[in-house]
């Protein structure tokens, strides 16, 4: 079974892949999050995704902001 770090890496990779599929940069993500009432700074988003340490709520906010309707887990 994967350890905590492996789960965090997987979560970050899934979110990064969805951003890439949608062609959304971190700066654009920050703008899109702002449009749905979520205040983030680009540096904070970059750090969260590089560390893989973010809440499920943050992941859902990001996916909603970029208009993702499907999630690929493979």
PDB file of N, CA and C in Angstrom:
ATOM      1  N   UNK A   1       0.849  -1.174   0.000  1.00  0.00           N
ATOM      2  CA  UNK A   1       0.000   0.000   0.000  1.00  0.00           C
ATOM      3  C   UNK A   1       0.899   1.244   0.000  1.00  0.00           C
ATOM      4  N   UNK A   2       0.531   2.247  -0.816  1.00  0.00           N
ATOM      5  CA  UNK A   2       1.353   3.456  -0.874  1.00  0.00           C
ATOM      6  C   UNK A   2       1.398   4.192   0.468  1.00  0.00           C
ATOM      7  N   UNK A   3       2.520   4.853   0.725  1.00  0.00           N
ATOM      8  CA  UNK A   3       2.602   5.664   1.939  1.00  0.00           C
ATOM      9  C   UNK A   3       2.036   7.057   1.662  1.00  0.00           C
ATOM     10  N   UNK A   4       2.001   7.895   2.687  1.00  0.00           N
ATOM     11  CA  UNK A   4       1.373   9.220   2.584  1.00  0.00           C
ATOM     12  C   UNK A   4       1.988  10.060   1.467  1.00  0.00           C
ATOM     13  N   UNK A   5       3.306  10.035   1.360  1.00  0.00           N
ATOM     14  CA  UNK A   5       3.985  10.831   0.338  1.00  0.00           C
ATOM     15  C   UNK A   5       3.579  10.389  -1.065  1.00  0.00           C
ATOM     16  N   UNK A   6       3.420   9.094  -1.264  1.00  0.00           N
ATOM     17  CA  UNK A   6       3.006   8.594  -2.579  1.00  0.00           C
ATOM     18  C   UNK A   6       1.579   9.030  -2.915  1.00  0.00           C
ATOM     19  N   UNK A   7       0.703   9.061  -1.913  1.00  0.00           N
ATOM     20  CA  UNK A   7      -0.669   9.546  -2.135  1.00  0.00           C
ATOM     21  C   UNK A   7      -0.654  11.026  -2.506  1.00  0.00           C
ATOM     22  N   UNK A   8       0.172  11.799  -1.802  1.00  0.00           N
ATOM     23  CA  UNK A   8       0.271  13.229  -2.075  1.00  0.00           C
ATOM     24  C   UNK A   8       0.802  13.476  -3.487  1.00  0.00           C
ATOM     25  N   UNK A   9       1.801  12.715  -3.881  1.00  0.00           N
ATOM     26  CA  UNK A   9       2.357  12.832  -5.230  1.00  0.00           C
ATOM     27  C   UNK A   9       1.312  12.488  -6.275  1.00  0.00           C
ATOM     28  N   UNK A  10       0.549  11.434  -6.025  1.00  0.00           N
ATOM     29  CA  UNK A  10      -0.492  11.038  -6.971  1.00  0.00           C
ATOM     30  C   UNK A  10      -1.558  12.129  -7.102  1.00  0.00           C
ATOM     31  N   UNK A  11      -1.977  12.700  -5.989  1.00  0.00           N
ATOM     32  CA  UNK A  11      -2.984  13.770  -6.020  1.00  0.00           C
ATOM     33  C   UNK A  11      -2.465  14.968  -6.813  1.00  0.00           C
ATOM     34  N   UNK A  12      -1.241  15.366  -6.568  1.00  0.00           N
ATOM     35  CA  UNK A  12      -0.650  16.500  -7.283  1.00  0.00           C
ATOM     36  C   UNK A  12      -0.543  16.200  -8.774  1.00  0.00           C
ATOM     37  N   UNK A  13      -0.131  14.996  -9.114  1.00  0.00           N
ATOM     38  CA  UNK A  13       0.010  14.625 -10.525  1.00  0.00           C
ATOM     39  C   UNK A  13      -1.341  14.616 -11.239  1.00  0.00           C
ATOM     40  N   UNK A  14      -2.378  14.160 -10.560  1.00  0.00           N
ATOM     41  CA  UNK A  14      -3.718  14.159 -11.152  1.00  0.00           C
ATOM     42  C   UNK A  14      -4.161  15.594 -11.435  1.00  0.00           C
ATOM     43  N   UNK A  15      -3.982  16.477 -10.466  1.00  0.00           N
ATOM     44  CA  UNK A  15      -4.393  17.870 -10.648  1.00  0.00           C
ATOM     45  C   UNK A  15      -3.559  18.547 -11.736  1.00  0.00           C
ATOM     46  N   UNK A  16      -2.258  18.305 -11.744  1.00  0.00           N
ATOM     47  CA  UNK A  16      -1.401  18.877 -12.784  1.00  0.00           C
ATOM     48  C   UNK A  16      -1.813  18.385 -14.170  1.00  0.00           C
ATOM     49  N   UNK A  17      -2.157  17.103 -14.273  1.00  0.00           N
ATOM     50  CA  UNK A  17      -2.574  16.544 -15.557  1.00  0.00           C
ATOM     51  C   UNK A  17      -3.860  17.202 -16.049  1.00  0.00           C
ATOM     52  N   UNK A  18      -4.792  17.450 -15.138  1.00  0.00           N
ATOM     53  CA  UNK A  18      -6.040  18.110 -15.529  1.00  0.00           C
ATOM     54  C   UNK A  18      -5.782  19.544 -15.981  1.00  0.00           C
ATOM     55  N   UNK A  19      -4.868  20.232 -15.303  1.00  0.00           N
ATOM     56  CA  UNK A  19      -4.510  21.586 -15.719  1.00  0.00           C
ATOM     57  C   UNK A  19      -3.899  21.561 -17.121  1.00  0.00           C
ATOM     58  N   UNK A  20      -3.036  20.599 -17.368  1.00  0.00           N
ATOM     59  CA  UNK A  20      -2.384  20.485 -18.671  1.00  0.00           C
ATOM     60  C   UNK A  20      -3.413  20.159 -19.754  1.00  0.00           C
ATOM     61  N   UNK A  21      -4.341  19.238 -19.461  1.00  0.00           N
ATOM     62  CA  UNK A  21      -5.382  18.881 -20.433  1.00  0.00           C
ATOM     63  C   UNK A  21      -6.216  20.092 -20.826  1.00  0.00           C
ATOM     64  N   UNK A  22      -6.466  20.955 -19.861  1.00  0.00           N
ATOM     65  CA  UNK A  22      -7.274  22.151 -20.108  1.00  0.00           C
ATOM     66  C   UNK A  22      -6.435  23.324 -20.616  1.00  0.00           C
ATOM     67  N   UNK A  23      -5.106  23.161 -20.617  1.00  0.00           N
ATOM     68  CA  UNK A  23      -4.227  24.233 -21.074  1.00  0.00           C
ATOM     69  C   UNK A  23      -4.214  25.428 -20.137  1.00  0.00           C
ATOM     70  N   UNK A  24      -4.325  25.158 -18.832  1.00  0.00           N
ATOM     71  CA  UNK A  24      -4.416  26.221 -17.827  1.00  0.00           C
ATOM     72  C   UNK A  24      -3.089  26.329 -17.073  1.00  0.00           C
ATOM     73  N   UNK A  25      -2.528  27.531 -17.056  1.00  0.00           N
ATOM     74  CA  UNK A  25      -1.305  27.789 -16.297  1.00  0.00           C
ATOM     75  C   UNK A  25      -1.673  28.062 -14.838  1.00  0.00           C
ATOM     76  N   UNK A  26      -0.666  28.116 -13.993  1.00  0.00           N
ATOM     77  CA  UNK A  26      -0.922  28.440 -12.586  1.00  0.00           C
ATOM     78  C   UNK A  26      -1.505  29.841 -12.447  1.00  0.00           C
ATOM     79  N   UNK A  27      -0.995  30.785 -13.229  1.00  0.00           N
ATOM     80  CA  UNK A  27      -1.515  32.153 -13.177  1.00  0.00           C
ATOM     81  C   UNK A  27      -2.992  32.188 -13.592  1.00  0.00           C
ATOM     82  N   UNK A  28      -3.321  31.440 -14.633  1.00  0.00           N
ATOM     83  CA  UNK A  28      -4.715  31.386 -15.078  1.00  0.00           C
ATOM     84  C   UNK A  28      -5.584  30.693 -14.034  1.00  0.00           C
ATOM     85  N   UNK A  29      -5.049  29.670 -13.391  1.00  0.00           N
ATOM     86  CA  UNK A  29      -5.793  28.981 -12.343  1.00  0.00           C
ATOM     87  C   UNK A  29      -6.133  29.942 -11.212  1.00  0.00           C
ATOM     88  N   UNK A  30      -5.178  30.766 -10.822  1.00  0.00           N
ATOM     89  CA  UNK A  30      -5.418  31.749  -9.758  1.00  0.00           C
ATOM     90  C   UNK A  30      -6.562  32.683 -10.156  1.00  0.00           C
ATOM     91  N   UNK A  31      -6.567  33.120 -11.407  1.00  0.00           N
ATOM     92  CA  UNK A  31      -7.646  33.989 -11.900  1.00  0.00           C
ATOM     93  C   UNK A  31      -8.986  33.267 -11.858  1.00  0.00           C
ATOM     94  N   UNK A  32      -8.995  32.019 -12.302  1.00  0.00           N
ATOM     95  CA  UNK A  32     -10.230  31.235 -12.336  1.00  0.00           C
ATOM     96  C   UNK A  32     -10.733  30.935 -10.920  1.00  0.00           C
ATOM     97  N   UNK A  33      -9.820  30.690  -9.999  1.00  0.00           N
ATOM     98  CA  UNK A  33     -10.221  30.496  -8.605  1.00  0.00           C
ATOM     99  C   UNK A  33     -10.836  31.783  -8.059  1.00  0.00           C
ATOM    100  N   UNK A  34     -10.235  32.915  -8.377  1.00  0.00           N
ATOM    101  CA  UNK A  34     -10.766  34.205  -7.943  1.00  0.00           C
ATOM    102  C   UNK A  34     -12.180  34.430  -8.455  1.00  0.00           C
ATOM    103  N   UNK A  35     -12.444  33.965  -9.669  1.00  0.00           N
ATOM    104  CA  UNK A  35     -13.767  34.141 -10.273  1.00  0.00           C
ATOM    105  C   UNK A  35     -14.849  33.358  -9.531  1.00  0.00           C
ATOM    106  N   UNK A  36     -14.436  32.307  -8.799  1.00  0.00           N
ATOM    107  CA  UNK A  36     -15.424  31.549  -8.014  1.00  0.00           C
ATOM    108  C   UNK A  36     -15.310  31.862  -6.516  1.00  0.00           C
ATOM    109  N   UNK A  37     -14.587  32.943  -6.213  1.00  0.00           N
ATOM    110  CA  UNK A  37     -14.527  33.424  -4.836  1.00  0.00           C
ATOM    111  C   UNK A  37     -13.440  32.825  -3.968  1.00  0.00           C
ATOM    112  N   UNK A  38     -12.454  32.176  -4.595  1.00  0.00           N
ATOM    113  CA  UNK A  38     -11.351  31.571  -3.844  1.00  0.00           C
ATOM    114  C   UNK A  38     -10.103  32.428  -4.053  1.00  0.00           C
ATOM    115  N   UNK A  39      -9.588  33.002  -2.966  1.00  0.00           N
ATOM    116  CA  UNK A  39      -8.420  33.866  -3.051  1.00  0.00           C
ATOM    117  C   UNK A  39      -7.147  33.051  -2.829  1.00  0.00           C
ATOM    118  N   UNK A  40      -6.319  32.995  -3.844  1.00  0.00           N
ATOM    119  CA  UNK A  40      -5.029  32.297  -3.762  1.00  0.00           C
ATOM    120  C   UNK A  40      -3.991  33.143  -4.478  1.00  0.00           C
ATOM    121  N   UNK A  41      -2.743  32.963  -4.120  1.00  0.00           N
ATOM    122  CA  UNK A  41      -1.636  33.596  -4.825  1.00  0.00           C
ATOM    123  C   UNK A  41      -0.957  32.524  -5.664  1.00  0.00           C
ATOM    124  N   UNK A  42      -0.411  32.944  -6.793  1.00  0.00           N
ATOM    125  CA  UNK A  42       0.228  31.983  -7.694  1.00  0.00           C
ATOM    126  C   UNK A  42       1.330  31.199  -6.992  1.00  0.00           C
ATOM    127  N   UNK A  43       2.136  31.868  -6.190  1.00  0.00           N
ATOM    128  CA  UNK A  43       3.228  31.185  -5.501  1.00  0.00           C
ATOM    129  C   UNK A  43       2.686  30.108  -4.558  1.00  0.00           C
ATOM    130  N   UNK A  44       1.558  30.382  -3.904  1.00  0.00           N
ATOM    131  CA  UNK A  44       0.966  29.391  -3.002  1.00  0.00           C
ATOM    132  C   UNK A  44       0.448  28.180  -3.773  1.00  0.00           C
ATOM    133  N   UNK A  45      -0.183  28.429  -4.906  1.00  0.00           N
ATOM    134  CA  UNK A  45      -0.683  27.328  -5.746  1.00  0.00           C
ATOM    135  C   UNK A  45       0.495  26.487  -6.227  1.00  0.00           C
ATOM    136  N   UNK A  46       1.531  27.155  -6.696  1.00  0.00           N
ATOM    137  CA  UNK A  46       2.721  26.449  -7.182  1.00  0.00           C
ATOM    138  C   UNK A  46       3.325  25.574  -6.070  1.00  0.00           C
ATOM    139  N   UNK A  47       3.420  26.121  -4.861  1.00  0.00           N
ATOM    140  CA  UNK A  47       3.982  25.363  -3.737  1.00  0.00           C
ATOM    141  C   UNK A  47       3.096  24.182  -3.358  1.00  0.00           C
ATOM    142  N   UNK A  48       1.791  24.395  -3.316  1.00  0.00           N
ATOM    143  CA  UNK A  48       0.878  23.298  -2.980  1.00  0.00           C
ATOM    144  C   UNK A  48       1.030  22.153  -3.966  1.00  0.00           C
ATOM    145  N   UNK A  49       1.079  22.488  -5.253  1.00  0.00           N
ATOM    146  CA  UNK A  49       1.176  21.443  -6.265  1.00  0.00           C
ATOM    147  C   UNK A  49       2.551  20.792  -6.302  1.00  0.00           C
ATOM    148  N   UNK A  50       3.588  21.534  -6.008  1.00  0.00           N
ATOM    149  CA  UNK A  50       4.921  20.923  -6.010  1.00  0.00           C
ATOM    150  C   UNK A  50       5.111  20.002  -4.817  1.00  0.00           C
ATOM    151  N   UNK A  51       4.526  20.357  -3.673  1.00  0.00           N
ATOM    152  CA  UNK A  51       4.629  19.518  -2.472  1.00  0.00           C
ATOM    153  C   UNK A  51       3.587  18.409  -2.459  1.00  0.00           C
ATOM    154  N   UNK A  52       2.464  18.648  -3.131  1.00  0.00           N
ATOM    155  CA  UNK A  52       1.375  17.678  -3.091  1.00  0.00           C
ATOM    156  C   UNK A  52       0.578  17.773  -1.805  1.00  0.00           C
ATOM    157  N   UNK A  53       0.773  18.841  -1.060  1.00  0.00           N
ATOM    158  CA  UNK A  53       0.083  19.009   0.224  1.00  0.00           C
ATOM    159  C   UNK A  53      -1.032  20.032   0.069  1.00  0.00           C
ATOM    160  N   UNK A  54      -2.223  19.505  -0.184  1.00  0.00           N
ATOM    161  CA  UNK A  54      -3.405  20.353  -0.275  1.00  0.00           C
ATOM    162  C   UNK A  54      -4.616  19.514   0.069  1.00  0.00           C
ATOM    163  N   UNK A  55      -5.679  20.196   0.431  1.00  0.00           N
ATOM    164  CA  UNK A  55      -6.891  19.490   0.859  1.00  0.00           C
ATOM    165  C   UNK A  55      -7.687  19.005  -0.349  1.00  0.00           C
ATOM    166  N   UNK A  56      -8.569  18.072  -0.088  1.00  0.00           N
ATOM    167  CA  UNK A  56      -9.493  17.609  -1.123  1.00  0.00           C
ATOM    168  C   UNK A  56     -10.370  18.776  -1.571  1.00  0.00           C
ATOM    169  N   UNK A  57     -10.717  19.655  -0.645  1.00  0.00           N
ATOM    170  CA  UNK A  57     -11.526  20.829  -0.982  1.00  0.00           C
ATOM    171  C   UNK A  57     -10.786  21.710  -1.987  1.00  0.00           C
ATOM    172  N   UNK A  58      -9.490  21.929  -1.792  1.00  0.00           N
ATOM    173  CA  UNK A  58      -8.704  22.727  -2.739  1.00  0.00           C
ATOM    174  C   UNK A  58      -8.695  22.066  -4.106  1.00  0.00           C
ATOM    175  N   UNK A  59      -8.530  20.760  -4.143  1.00  0.00           N
ATOM    176  CA  UNK A  59      -8.527  20.044  -5.416  1.00  0.00           C
ATOM    177  C   UNK A  59      -9.872  20.210  -6.125  1.00  0.00           C
ATOM    178  N   UNK A  60     -10.961  20.080  -5.383  1.00  0.00           N
ATOM    179  CA  UNK A  60     -12.289  20.252  -5.979  1.00  0.00           C
ATOM    180  C   UNK A  60     -12.502  21.687  -6.456  1.00  0.00           C
ATOM    181  N   UNK A  61     -12.001  22.658  -5.707  1.00  0.00           N
ATOM    182  CA  UNK A  61     -12.104  24.058  -6.126  1.00  0.00           C
ATOM    183  C   UNK A  61     -11.370  24.270  -7.452  1.00  0.00           C
ATOM    184  N   UNK A  62     -10.173  23.720  -7.549  1.00  0.00           N
ATOM    185  CA  UNK A  62      -9.391  23.855  -8.779  1.00  0.00           C
ATOM    186  C   UNK A  62     -10.090  23.197  -9.954  1.00  0.00           C
ATOM    187  N   UNK A  63     -10.577  21.983  -9.747  1.00  0.00           N
ATOM    188  CA  UNK A  63     -11.259  21.264 -10.822  1.00  0.00           C
ATOM    189  C   UNK A  63     -12.513  21.997 -11.270  1.00  0.00           C
ATOM    190  N   UNK A  64     -13.248  22.558 -10.314  1.00  0.00           N
ATOM    191  CA  UNK A  64     -14.434  23.344 -10.648  1.00  0.00           C
ATOM    192  C   UNK A  64     -14.045  24.596 -11.415  1.00  0.00           C
ATOM    193  N   UNK A  65     -13.012  25.275 -10.954  1.00  0.00           N
ATOM    194  CA  UNK A  65     -12.574  26.526 -11.581  1.00  0.00           C
ATOM    195  C   UNK A  65     -12.159  26.328 -13.038  1.00  0.00           C
ATOM    196  N   UNK A  66     -11.549  25.182 -13.345  1.00  0.00           N
ATOM    197  CA  UNK A  66     -11.098  24.952 -14.726  1.00  0.00           C
ATOM    198  C   UNK A  66     -12.159  24.261 -15.578  1.00  0.00           C
ATOM    199  N   UNK A  67     -13.291  23.958 -14.969  1.00  0.00           N
ATOM    200  CA  UNK A  67     -14.386  23.347 -15.716  1.00  0.00           C
ATOM    201  C   UNK A  67     -14.209  21.876 -16.002  1.00  0.00           C
ATOM    202  N   UNK A  68     -13.455  21.192 -15.156  1.00  0.00           N
ATOM    203  CA  UNK A  68     -13.258  19.745 -15.344  1.00  0.00           C
ATOM    204  C   UNK A  68     -14.549  19.023 -14.940  1.00  0.00           C
ATOM    205  N   UNK A  69     -14.998  18.157 -15.811  1.00  0.00           N
ATOM    206  CA  UNK A  69     -16.220  17.395 -15.512  1.00  0.00           C
ATOM    207  C   UNK A  69     -15.923  15.919 -15.314  1.00  0.00           C
ATOM    208  N   UNK A  70     -14.766  15.484 -15.748  1.00  0.00           N
ATOM    209  CA  UNK A  70     -14.335  14.095 -15.588  1.00  0.00           C
ATOM    210  C   UNK A  70     -12.970  14.099 -14.928  1.00  0.00           C
ATOM    211  N   UNK A  71     -12.662  13.040 -14.224  1.00  0.00           N
ATOM    212  CA  UNK A  71     -11.361  12.934 -13.569  1.00  0.00           C
ATOM    213  C   UNK A  71     -10.741  11.600 -13.918  1.00  0.00           C
ATOM    214  N   UNK A  72      -9.545  11.633 -14.463  1.00  0.00           N
ATOM    215  CA  UNK A  72      -8.827  10.409 -14.816  1.00  0.00           C
ATOM    216  C   UNK A  72      -7.904  10.028 -13.668  1.00  0.00           C
ATOM    217  N   UNK A  73      -8.089   8.830 -13.167  1.00  0.00           N
ATOM    218  CA  UNK A  73      -7.250   8.378 -12.055  1.00  0.00           C
ATOM    219  C   UNK A  73      -6.113   7.477 -12.507  1.00  0.00           C
ATOM    220  N   UNK A  74      -6.075   7.145 -13.775  1.00  0.00           N
ATOM    221  CA  UNK A  74      -4.991   6.280 -14.267  1.00  0.00           C
ATOM    222  C   UNK A  74      -3.889   7.056 -14.903  1.00  0.00           C
TER     223      UNK A  74
END
